[in-house]
Amino acid sequence: MRLDILRRGSSRLFAMMALGLAVAACAGAPPEKLILPEITFANQPKLTFAAGSVETIQEYLPSAQPPHIELNIPQPPSVVAARWTRDRVALDNSQQNRVTVIIKKAAVTEVDLKKTPGLRGSFTEDQIARFDTEVEMAVEIRDARGFRIGEASAAARRSTSMSEKATLNDRDLIIHGLVRETMMDVNRELERNIRQYMALYVR
């Protein structure tokens, strides 16, 4: 009888230890990486050009050289800017013109910020990094001879900072939002300028 009681007690102890180890393992496991939505302009109306072809030219070369982080983020603005052509440009094939979308700048940089020194720093939630975006795009239309007959451009800059309590997922979310808002700024200005300066060739 005593042996049976000891066995039951050992089984309970083993179960409690296993449960404790499982909880500890879960607590120590890194959080799942966020899967962020693709930044698109698919919900925007098409800009239909009196042209028969379109191309995108990447003048800006993304970099991983500090402080640049364009090559280390899931959706760099150069990729989103190229997506703008896909989502927003349409052709009516009424003329032998060519539309060219030029990505002149598509930068994202990260700058470390100084923490509050001394005892005061122990009670202060500091911003430890600042992210800056800068995007510039242009749209040209050229006739069959290659002469430029219309042009519009747009540029935008934004900045935001990150708290020292931010997680890696928080960081990804902050950068994703920053790129999205910068690209939406460019999108709005570019459409406005296209309709103003290229009115003869777009509807």
Foldseek 3Di string as FASTA:
>chain_A
DVVVVVVVVVVVVVVVVVVVVVVVVVVPDDDDADDDDDQACQVPEAKEFAEDEEEEAEPDDQDVPPQWCQVPADQFLVNRQVRCCVRHYHYPPNAHKYKYKYWNAGTKGKDFDDADDDPVSVVDFDFGIKIKTKTKMKMFMAHPVRHTDFMFIFMFMDMDTHTPPDDPNSVNVVVVVRSSVRVVRRVVRRVVRCCVTVVVTID
